[in-house]
Amino acid sequence: MRIIFILFAAGISMFVCMCKKVTDGQLKQAVALGASSWEDVSRMTQCSTQCGKCACLAQEIVDEALLNRHVAQHIPARHYEELAYAVR
């Protein structure tokens, strides 16, 4: 667990799609650039267009990124700490 946290804190991405060499960071970046669905992200990154074994994990990452973008758009920044405390 410690190694994973250190890698995450250092901003190191992990490969999600080995066939197309797509990282989780690239999936999140596609959402940040305006992708609004898994299909959009797949089209932009080519993730899961070869063997498809990465599709479930990739979709989870994209769904989380889309949710985070939605929350960030609708909840004022001053409420993030309160929300984080409530979720714990």
PDB file of N, CA and C in Angstrom:
ATOM      1  N   MET A   1       0.819  -1.197   0.000  1.00  0.00           N
ATOM      2  CA  MET A   1       0.000   0.000   0.000  1.00  0.00           C
ATOM      3  C   MET A   1       0.859   1.256   0.000  1.00  0.00           C
ATOM      4  N   ARG A   2       1.933   1.221   0.739  1.00  0.00           N
ATOM      5  CA  ARG A   2       2.802   2.384   0.837  1.00  0.00           C
ATOM      6  C   ARG A   2       3.401   2.744  -0.521  1.00  0.00           C
ATOM      7  N   ILE A   3       3.834   1.752  -1.282  1.00  0.00           N
ATOM      8  CA  ILE A   3       4.428   2.006  -2.592  1.00  0.00           C
ATOM      9  C   ILE A   3       3.406   2.643  -3.522  1.00  0.00           C
ATOM     10  N   ILE A   4       2.199   2.136  -3.515  1.00  0.00           N
ATOM     11  CA  ILE A   4       1.149   2.696  -4.364  1.00  0.00           C
ATOM     12  C   ILE A   4       0.903   4.151  -4.004  1.00  0.00           C
ATOM     13  N   PHE A   5       0.852   4.461  -2.714  1.00  0.00           N
ATOM     14  CA  PHE A   5       0.622   5.840  -2.293  1.00  0.00           C
ATOM     15  C   PHE A   5       1.754   6.741  -2.755  1.00  0.00           C
ATOM     16  N   ILE A   6       2.989   6.275  -2.615  1.00  0.00           N
ATOM     17  CA  ILE A   6       4.139   7.081  -3.028  1.00  0.00           C
ATOM     18  C   ILE A   6       4.084   7.345  -4.527  1.00  0.00           C
ATOM     19  N   LEU A   7       3.776   6.337  -5.314  1.00  0.00           N
ATOM     20  CA  LEU A   7       3.680   6.529  -6.753  1.00  0.00           C
ATOM     21  C   LEU A   7       2.563   7.497  -7.102  1.00  0.00           C
ATOM     22  N   PHE A   8       1.428   7.379  -6.417  1.00  0.00           N
ATOM     23  CA  PHE A   8       0.309   8.280  -6.666  1.00  0.00           C
ATOM     24  C   PHE A   8       0.681   9.706  -6.288  1.00  0.00           C
ATOM     25  N   ALA A   9       1.319   9.859  -5.134  1.00  0.00           N
ATOM     26  CA  ALA A   9       1.702  11.184  -4.668  1.00  0.00           C
ATOM     27  C   ALA A   9       2.733  11.818  -5.594  1.00  0.00           C
ATOM     28  N   ALA A  10       3.568  11.001  -6.209  1.00  0.00           N
ATOM     29  CA  ALA A  10       4.592  11.519  -7.107  1.00  0.00           C
ATOM     30  C   ALA A  10       4.020  11.839  -8.488  1.00  0.00           C
ATOM     31  N   GLY A  11       2.764  11.522  -8.714  1.00  0.00           N
ATOM     32  CA  GLY A  11       2.128  11.814  -9.990  1.00  0.00           C
ATOM     33  C   GLY A  11       2.482  10.830 -11.091  1.00  0.00           C
ATOM     34  N   ILE A  12       2.902   9.638 -10.715  1.00  0.00           N
ATOM     35  CA  ILE A  12       3.265   8.623 -11.698  1.00  0.00           C
ATOM     36  C   ILE A  12       2.001   7.892 -12.128  1.00  0.00           C
ATOM     37  N   SER A  13       1.819   7.794 -13.429  1.00  0.00           N
ATOM     38  CA  SER A  13       0.638   7.120 -13.964  1.00  0.00           C
ATOM     39  C   SER A  13       0.894   5.632 -14.122  1.00  0.00           C
ATOM     40  N   MET A  14      -0.191   4.876 -14.144  1.00  0.00           N
ATOM     41  CA  MET A  14      -0.064   3.443 -14.407  1.00  0.00           C
ATOM     42  C   MET A  14      -0.670   3.152 -15.775  1.00  0.00           C
ATOM     43  N   PHE A  15      -0.133   2.141 -16.432  1.00  0.00           N
ATOM     44  CA  PHE A  15      -0.704   1.733 -17.705  1.00  0.00           C
ATOM     45  C   PHE A  15      -2.012   1.007 -17.447  1.00  0.00           C
ATOM     46  N   VAL A  16      -3.021   1.389 -18.189  1.00  0.00           N
ATOM     47  CA  VAL A  16      -4.325   0.741 -18.119  1.00  0.00           C
ATOM     48  C   VAL A  16      -4.488  -0.161 -19.338  1.00  0.00           C
ATOM     49  N   CYS A  17      -4.128   0.346 -20.490  1.00  0.00           N
ATOM     50  CA  CYS A  17      -4.218  -0.398 -21.748  1.00  0.00           C
ATOM     51  C   CYS A  17      -2.804  -0.663 -22.256  1.00  0.00           C
ATOM     52  N   MET A  18      -2.371  -1.904 -22.116  1.00  0.00           N
ATOM     53  CA  MET A  18      -1.023  -2.258 -22.558  1.00  0.00           C
ATOM     54  C   MET A  18      -0.934  -2.316 -24.087  1.00  0.00           C
ATOM     55  N   CYS A  19      -1.996  -2.687 -24.751  1.00  0.00           N
ATOM     56  CA  CYS A  19      -1.967  -2.791 -26.215  1.00  0.00           C
ATOM     57  C   CYS A  19      -1.692  -1.437 -26.866  1.00  0.00           C
ATOM     58  N   LYS A  20      -2.353  -0.397 -26.370  1.00  0.00           N
ATOM     59  CA  LYS A  20      -2.236   0.942 -26.952  1.00  0.00           C
ATOM     60  C   LYS A  20      -1.389   1.887 -26.100  1.00  0.00           C
ATOM     61  N   LYS A  21      -0.820   1.361 -25.004  1.00  0.00           N
ATOM     62  CA  LYS A  21       0.062   2.139 -24.112  1.00  0.00           C
ATOM     63  C   LYS A  21      -0.642   3.393 -23.577  1.00  0.00           C
ATOM     64  N   VAL A  22      -1.844   3.198 -23.043  1.00  0.00           N
ATOM     65  CA  VAL A  22      -2.644   4.295 -22.489  1.00  0.00           C
ATOM     66  C   VAL A  22      -2.579   4.229 -20.972  1.00  0.00           C
ATOM     67  N   THR A  23      -2.303   5.371 -20.341  1.00  0.00           N
ATOM     68  CA  THR A  23      -2.215   5.434 -18.882  1.00  0.00           C
ATOM     69  C   THR A  23      -3.497   5.996 -18.283  1.00  0.00           C
ATOM     70  N   ASP A  24      -3.630   5.823 -16.971  1.00  0.00           N
ATOM     71  CA  ASP A  24      -4.781   6.403 -16.281  1.00  0.00           C
ATOM     72  C   ASP A  24      -4.754   7.921 -16.393  1.00  0.00           C
ATOM     73  N   GLY A  25      -3.575   8.499 -16.401  1.00  0.00           N
ATOM     74  CA  GLY A  25      -3.453   9.948 -16.555  1.00  0.00           C
ATOM     75  C   GLY A  25      -3.985  10.432 -17.892  1.00  0.00           C
ATOM     76  N   GLN A  26      -3.761   9.667 -18.943  1.00  0.00           N
ATOM     77  CA  GLN A  26      -4.280  10.037 -20.259  1.00  0.00           C
ATOM     78  C   GLN A  26      -5.802   9.940 -20.301  1.00  0.00           C
ATOM     79  N   LEU A  27      -6.354   8.957 -19.613  1.00  0.00           N
ATOM     80  CA  LEU A  27      -7.814   8.834 -19.552  1.00  0.00           C
ATOM     81  C   LEU A  27      -8.413  10.042 -18.837  1.00  0.00           C
ATOM     82  N   LYS A  28      -7.806  10.416 -17.706  1.00  0.00           N
ATOM     83  CA  LYS A  28      -8.290  11.575 -16.947  1.00  0.00           C
ATOM     84  C   LYS A  28      -8.110  12.863 -17.738  1.00  0.00           C
ATOM     85  N   GLN A  29      -7.014  12.957 -18.485  1.00  0.00           N
ATOM     86  CA  GLN A  29      -6.774  14.141 -19.297  1.00  0.00           C
ATOM     87  C   GLN A  29      -7.834  14.272 -20.389  1.00  0.00           C
ATOM     88  N   ALA A  30      -8.241  13.157 -20.975  1.00  0.00           N
ATOM     89  CA  ALA A  30      -9.285  13.192 -22.000  1.00  0.00           C
ATOM     90  C   ALA A  30     -10.581  13.754 -21.424  1.00  0.00           C
ATOM     91  N   VAL A  31     -10.905  13.375 -20.190  1.00  0.00           N
ATOM     92  CA  VAL A  31     -12.095  13.923 -19.525  1.00  0.00           C
ATOM     93  C   VAL A  31     -11.907  15.421 -19.292  1.00  0.00           C
ATOM     94  N   ALA A  32     -10.729  15.804 -18.846  1.00  0.00           N
ATOM     95  CA  ALA A  32     -10.452  17.224 -18.600  1.00  0.00           C
ATOM     96  C   ALA A  32     -10.539  18.038 -19.892  1.00  0.00           C
ATOM     97  N   LEU A  33     -10.242  17.408 -21.016  1.00  0.00           N
ATOM     98  CA  LEU A  33     -10.295  18.095 -22.309  1.00  0.00           C
ATOM     99  C   LEU A  33     -11.694  18.119 -22.914  1.00  0.00           C
ATOM    100  N   GLY A  34     -12.674  17.528 -22.207  1.00  0.00           N
ATOM    101  CA  GLY A  34     -14.052  17.647 -22.660  1.00  0.00           C
ATOM    102  C   GLY A  34     -14.786  16.370 -22.992  1.00  0.00           C
ATOM    103  N   ALA A  35     -14.128  15.229 -22.909  1.00  0.00           N
ATOM    104  CA  ALA A  35     -14.838  13.971 -23.163  1.00  0.00           C
ATOM    105  C   ALA A  35     -15.969  13.832 -22.155  1.00  0.00           C
ATOM    106  N   SER A  36     -17.132  13.402 -22.618  1.00  0.00           N
ATOM    107  CA  SER A  36     -18.276  13.315 -21.714  1.00  0.00           C
ATOM    108  C   SER A  36     -18.805  11.891 -21.555  1.00  0.00           C
ATOM    109  N   SER A  37     -18.081  10.918 -22.095  1.00  0.00           N
ATOM    110  CA  SER A  37     -18.504   9.520 -21.965  1.00  0.00           C
ATOM    111  C   SER A  37     -17.301   8.608 -22.169  1.00  0.00           C
ATOM    112  N   TRP A  38     -17.485   7.332 -21.797  1.00  0.00           N
ATOM    113  CA  TRP A  38     -16.439   6.340 -22.025  1.00  0.00           C
ATOM    114  C   TRP A  38     -16.128   6.234 -23.522  1.00  0.00           C
ATOM    115  N   GLU A  39     -17.145   6.296 -24.353  1.00  0.00           N
ATOM    116  CA  GLU A  39     -16.947   6.193 -25.795  1.00  0.00           C
ATOM    117  C   GLU A  39     -16.072   7.334 -26.308  1.00  0.00           C
ATOM    118  N   ASP A  40     -16.308   8.555 -25.806  1.00  0.00           N
ATOM    119  CA  ASP A  40     -15.478   9.704 -26.192  1.00  0.00           C
ATOM    120  C   ASP A  40     -14.020   9.473 -25.811  1.00  0.00           C
ATOM    121  N   VAL A  41     -13.803   9.010 -24.581  1.00  0.00           N
ATOM    122  CA  VAL A  41     -12.440   8.785 -24.097  1.00  0.00           C
ATOM    123  C   VAL A  41     -11.765   7.687 -24.915  1.00  0.00           C
ATOM    124  N   SER A  42     -12.472   6.624 -25.195  1.00  0.00           N
ATOM    125  CA  SER A  42     -11.912   5.528 -25.983  1.00  0.00           C
ATOM    126  C   SER A  42     -11.523   6.010 -27.379  1.00  0.00           C
ATOM    127  N   ARG A  43     -12.371   6.828 -27.964  1.00  0.00           N
ATOM    128  CA  ARG A  43     -12.083   7.382 -29.286  1.00  0.00           C
ATOM    129  C   ARG A  43     -10.850   8.290 -29.247  1.00  0.00           C
ATOM    130  N   MET A  44     -10.739   9.104 -28.202  1.00  0.00           N
ATOM    131  CA  MET A  44      -9.632  10.055 -28.084  1.00  0.00           C
ATOM    132  C   MET A  44      -8.300   9.371 -27.786  1.00  0.00           C
ATOM    133  N   THR A  45      -8.332   8.301 -26.998  1.00  0.00           N
ATOM    134  CA  THR A  45      -7.092   7.670 -26.530  1.00  0.00           C
ATOM    135  C   THR A  45      -6.789   6.340 -27.209  1.00  0.00           C
ATOM    136  N   GLN A  46      -7.769   5.772 -27.885  1.00  0.00           N
ATOM    137  CA  GLN A  46      -7.673   4.433 -28.476  1.00  0.00           C
ATOM    138  C   GLN A  46      -7.639   3.327 -27.422  1.00  0.00           C
ATOM    139  N   CYS A  47      -7.936   3.667 -26.175  1.00  0.00           N
ATOM    140  CA  CYS A  47      -7.953   2.685 -25.090  1.00  0.00           C
ATOM    141  C   CYS A  47      -9.042   1.647 -25.353  1.00  0.00           C
ATOM    142  N   SER A  48      -8.705   0.383 -25.142  1.00  0.00           N
ATOM    143  CA  SER A  48      -9.639  -0.735 -25.256  1.00  0.00           C
ATOM    144  C   SER A  48     -10.147  -0.963 -26.676  1.00  0.00           C
ATOM    145  N   THR A  49      -9.352  -0.581 -27.665  1.00  0.00           N
ATOM    146  CA  THR A  49      -9.780  -0.792 -29.053  1.00  0.00           C
ATOM    147  C   THR A  49      -9.105  -1.995 -29.698  1.00  0.00           C
ATOM    148  N   GLN A  50      -8.259  -2.693 -28.942  1.00  0.00           N
ATOM    149  CA  GLN A  50      -7.595  -3.865 -29.518  1.00  0.00           C
ATOM    150  C   GLN A  50      -8.128  -5.146 -28.882  1.00  0.00           C
ATOM    151  N   CYS A  51      -7.638  -5.533 -27.721  1.00  0.00           N
ATOM    152  CA  CYS A  51      -8.091  -6.802 -27.123  1.00  0.00           C
ATOM    153  C   CYS A  51      -9.282  -6.606 -26.182  1.00  0.00           C
ATOM    154  N   GLY A  52      -9.421  -5.419 -25.591  1.00  0.00           N
ATOM    155  CA  GLY A  52     -10.560  -5.121 -24.733  1.00  0.00           C
ATOM    156  C   GLY A  52     -10.447  -5.557 -23.286  1.00  0.00           C
ATOM    157  N   LYS A  53      -9.334  -6.182 -22.899  1.00  0.00           N
ATOM    158  CA  LYS A  53      -9.199  -6.666 -21.520  1.00  0.00           C
ATOM    159  C   LYS A  53      -9.153  -5.535 -20.500  1.00  0.00           C
ATOM    160  N   CYS A  54      -8.802  -4.343 -20.933  1.00  0.00           N
ATOM    161  CA  CYS A  54      -8.676  -3.210 -20.016  1.00  0.00           C
ATOM    162  C   CYS A  54      -9.985  -2.434 -19.860  1.00  0.00           C
ATOM    163  N   ALA A  55     -11.006  -2.800 -20.593  1.00  0.00           N
ATOM    164  CA  ALA A  55     -12.226  -1.996 -20.661  1.00  0.00           C
ATOM    165  C   ALA A  55     -12.866  -1.730 -19.303  1.00  0.00           C
ATOM    166  N   CYS A  56     -12.980  -2.732 -18.449  1.00  0.00           N
ATOM    167  CA  CYS A  56     -13.647  -2.539 -17.151  1.00  0.00           C
ATOM    168  C   CYS A  56     -12.895  -1.540 -16.282  1.00  0.00           C
ATOM    169  N   LEU A  57     -11.584  -1.724 -16.145  1.00  0.00           N
ATOM    170  CA  LEU A  57     -10.790  -0.805 -15.334  1.00  0.00           C
ATOM    171  C   LEU A  57     -10.800   0.592 -15.940  1.00  0.00           C
ATOM    172  N   ALA A  58     -10.644   0.673 -17.248  1.00  0.00           N
ATOM    173  CA  ALA A  58     -10.628   1.971 -17.917  1.00  0.00           C
ATOM    174  C   ALA A  58     -11.953   2.703 -17.711  1.00  0.00           C
ATOM    175  N   GLN A  59     -13.058   1.995 -17.825  1.00  0.00           N
ATOM    176  CA  GLN A  59     -14.370   2.618 -17.632  1.00  0.00           C
ATOM    177  C   GLN A  59     -14.543   3.104 -16.200  1.00  0.00           C
ATOM    178  N   GLU A  60     -14.033   2.355 -15.229  1.00  0.00           N
ATOM    179  CA  GLU A  60     -14.104   2.796 -13.830  1.00  0.00           C
ATOM    180  C   GLU A  60     -13.325   4.090 -13.634  1.00  0.00           C
ATOM    181  N   ILE A  61     -12.142   4.176 -14.211  1.00  0.00           N
ATOM    182  CA  ILE A  61     -11.314   5.377 -14.090  1.00  0.00           C
ATOM    183  C   ILE A  61     -12.010   6.561 -14.745  1.00  0.00           C
ATOM    184  N   VAL A  62     -12.572   6.346 -15.914  1.00  0.00           N
ATOM    185  CA  VAL A  62     -13.274   7.415 -16.630  1.00  0.00           C
ATOM    186  C   VAL A  62     -14.525   7.841 -15.866  1.00  0.00           C
ATOM    187  N   ASP A  63     -15.296   6.887 -15.357  1.00  0.00           N
ATOM    188  CA  ASP A  63     -16.500   7.228 -14.585  1.00  0.00           C
ATOM    189  C   ASP A  63     -16.147   8.073 -13.368  1.00  0.00           C
ATOM    190  N   GLU A  64     -15.059   7.711 -12.680  1.00  0.00           N
ATOM    191  CA  GLU A  64     -14.626   8.489 -11.516  1.00  0.00           C
ATOM    192  C   GLU A  64     -14.198   9.895 -11.927  1.00  0.00           C
ATOM    193  N   ALA A  65     -13.480  10.005 -13.031  1.00  0.00           N
ATOM    194  CA  ALA A  65     -13.044  11.319 -13.510  1.00  0.00           C
ATOM    195  C   ALA A  65     -14.238  12.179 -13.912  1.00  0.00           C
ATOM    196  N   LEU A  66     -15.227  11.573 -14.559  1.00  0.00           N
ATOM    197  CA  LEU A  66     -16.437  12.311 -14.940  1.00  0.00           C
ATOM    198  C   LEU A  66     -17.202  12.778 -13.706  1.00  0.00           C
ATOM    199  N   LEU A  67     -17.301  11.913 -12.702  1.00  0.00           N
ATOM    200  CA  LEU A  67     -17.974  12.283 -11.458  1.00  0.00           C
ATOM    201  C   LEU A  67     -17.231  13.420 -10.766  1.00  0.00           C
ATOM    202  N   ASN A  68     -15.912  13.323 -10.692  1.00  0.00           N
ATOM    203  CA  ASN A  68     -15.117  14.379 -10.062  1.00  0.00           C
ATOM    204  C   ASN A  68     -15.294  15.707 -10.784  1.00  0.00           C
ATOM    205  N   ARG A  69     -15.339  15.668 -12.113  1.00  0.00           N
ATOM    206  CA  ARG A  69     -15.542  16.901 -12.884  1.00  0.00           C
ATOM    207  C   ARG A  69     -16.919  17.489 -12.595  1.00  0.00           C
ATOM    208  N   HIS A  70     -17.924  16.631 -12.525  1.00  0.00           N
ATOM    209  CA  HIS A  70     -19.288  17.087 -12.245  1.00  0.00           C
ATOM    210  C   HIS A  70     -19.371  17.726 -10.853  1.00  0.00           C
ATOM    211  N   VAL A  71     -18.780  17.067  -9.867  1.00  0.00           N
ATOM    212  CA  VAL A  71     -18.789  17.594  -8.495  1.00  0.00           C
ATOM    213  C   VAL A  71     -18.064  18.930  -8.445  1.00  0.00           C
ATOM    214  N   ALA A  72     -16.917  19.009  -9.098  1.00  0.00           N
ATOM    215  CA  ALA A  72     -16.130  20.245  -9.086  1.00  0.00           C
ATOM    216  C   ALA A  72     -16.899  21.399  -9.719  1.00  0.00           C
ATOM    217  N   GLN A  73     -17.741  21.100 -10.692  1.00  0.00           N
ATOM    218  CA  GLN A  73     -18.514  22.146 -11.357  1.00  0.00           C
ATOM    219  C   GLN A  73     -19.691  22.624 -10.513  1.00  0.00           C
ATOM    220  N   HIS A  74     -20.195  21.770  -9.618  1.00  0.00           N
ATOM    221  CA  HIS A  74     -21.427  22.094  -8.911  1.00  0.00           C
ATOM    222  C   HIS A  74     -21.289  22.340  -7.420  1.00  0.00           C
ATOM    223  N   ILE A  75     -20.130  22.043  -6.862  1.00  0.00           N
ATOM    224  CA  ILE A  75     -19.936  22.265  -5.431  1.00  0.00           C
ATOM    225  C   ILE A  75     -18.837  23.299  -5.244  1.00  0.00           C
ATOM    226  N   PRO A  76     -19.135  24.404  -4.576  1.00  0.00           N
ATOM    227  CA  PRO A  76     -18.115  25.427  -4.357  1.00  0.00           C
ATOM    228  C   PRO A  76     -16.907  24.854  -3.611  1.00  0.00           C
ATOM    229  N   ALA A  77     -15.728  25.318  -3.966  1.00  0.00           N
ATOM    230  CA  ALA A  77     -14.479  24.809  -3.387  1.00  0.00           C
ATOM    231  C   ALA A  77     -14.480  24.893  -1.867  1.00  0.00           C
ATOM    232  N   ARG A  78     -15.122  25.880  -1.296  1.00  0.00           N
ATOM    233  CA  ARG A  78     -15.104  26.045   0.161  1.00  0.00           C
ATOM    234  C   ARG A  78     -15.814  24.888   0.878  1.00  0.00           C
ATOM    235  N   HIS A  79     -16.611  24.096   0.146  1.00  0.00           N
ATOM    236  CA  HIS A  79     -17.336  22.979   0.752  1.00  0.00           C
ATOM    237  C   HIS A  79     -16.622  21.637   0.597  1.00  0.00           C
ATOM    238  N   TYR A  80     -15.499  21.598  -0.116  1.00  0.00           N
ATOM    239  CA  TYR A  80     -14.791  20.335  -0.332  1.00  0.00           C
ATOM    240  C   TYR A  80     -14.384  19.679   0.974  1.00  0.00           C
ATOM    241  N   GLU A  81     -13.841  20.466   1.906  1.00  0.00           N
ATOM    242  CA  GLU A  81     -13.369  19.891   3.167  1.00  0.00           C
ATOM    243  C   GLU A  81     -14.533  19.297   3.955  1.00  0.00           C
ATOM    244  N   GLU A  82     -15.661  19.995   3.985  1.00  0.00           N
ATOM    245  CA  GLU A  82     -16.840  19.482   4.682  1.00  0.00           C
ATOM    246  C   GLU A  82     -17.318  18.184   4.032  1.00  0.00           C
ATOM    247  N   LEU A  83     -17.314  18.150   2.714  1.00  0.00           N
ATOM    248  CA  LEU A  83     -17.749  16.967   1.990  1.00  0.00           C
ATOM    249  C   LEU A  83     -16.796  15.801   2.253  1.00  0.00           C
ATOM    250  N   ALA A  84     -15.511  16.055   2.225  1.00  0.00           N
ATOM    251  CA  ALA A  84     -14.519  15.005   2.485  1.00  0.00           C
ATOM    252  C   ALA A  84     -14.691  14.448   3.891  1.00  0.00           C
ATOM    253  N   TYR A  85     -14.982  15.310   4.861  1.00  0.00           N
ATOM    254  CA  TYR A  85     -15.176  14.867   6.238  1.00  0.00           C
ATOM    255  C   TYR A  85     -16.437  14.001   6.343  1.00  0.00           C
ATOM    256  N   ALA A  86     -17.487  14.387   5.650  1.00  0.00           N
ATOM    257  CA  ALA A  86     -18.749  13.648   5.705  1.00  0.00           C
ATOM    258  C   ALA A  86     -18.615  12.263   5.071  1.00  0.00           C
ATOM    259  N   VAL A  87     -17.774  12.143   4.066  1.00  0.00           N
ATOM    260  CA  VAL A  87     -17.610  10.873   3.359  1.00  0.00           C
ATOM    261  C   VAL A  87     -16.800   9.886   4.183  1.00  0.00           C
ATOM    262  N   ARG A  88     -15.888  10.375   5.015  1.00  0.00           N
ATOM    263  CA  ARG A  88     -15.071   9.480   5.844  1.00  0.00           C
ATOM    264  C   ARG A  88     -15.955   8.675   6.689  1.00  0.00           C
TER     265      ARG A  88
END
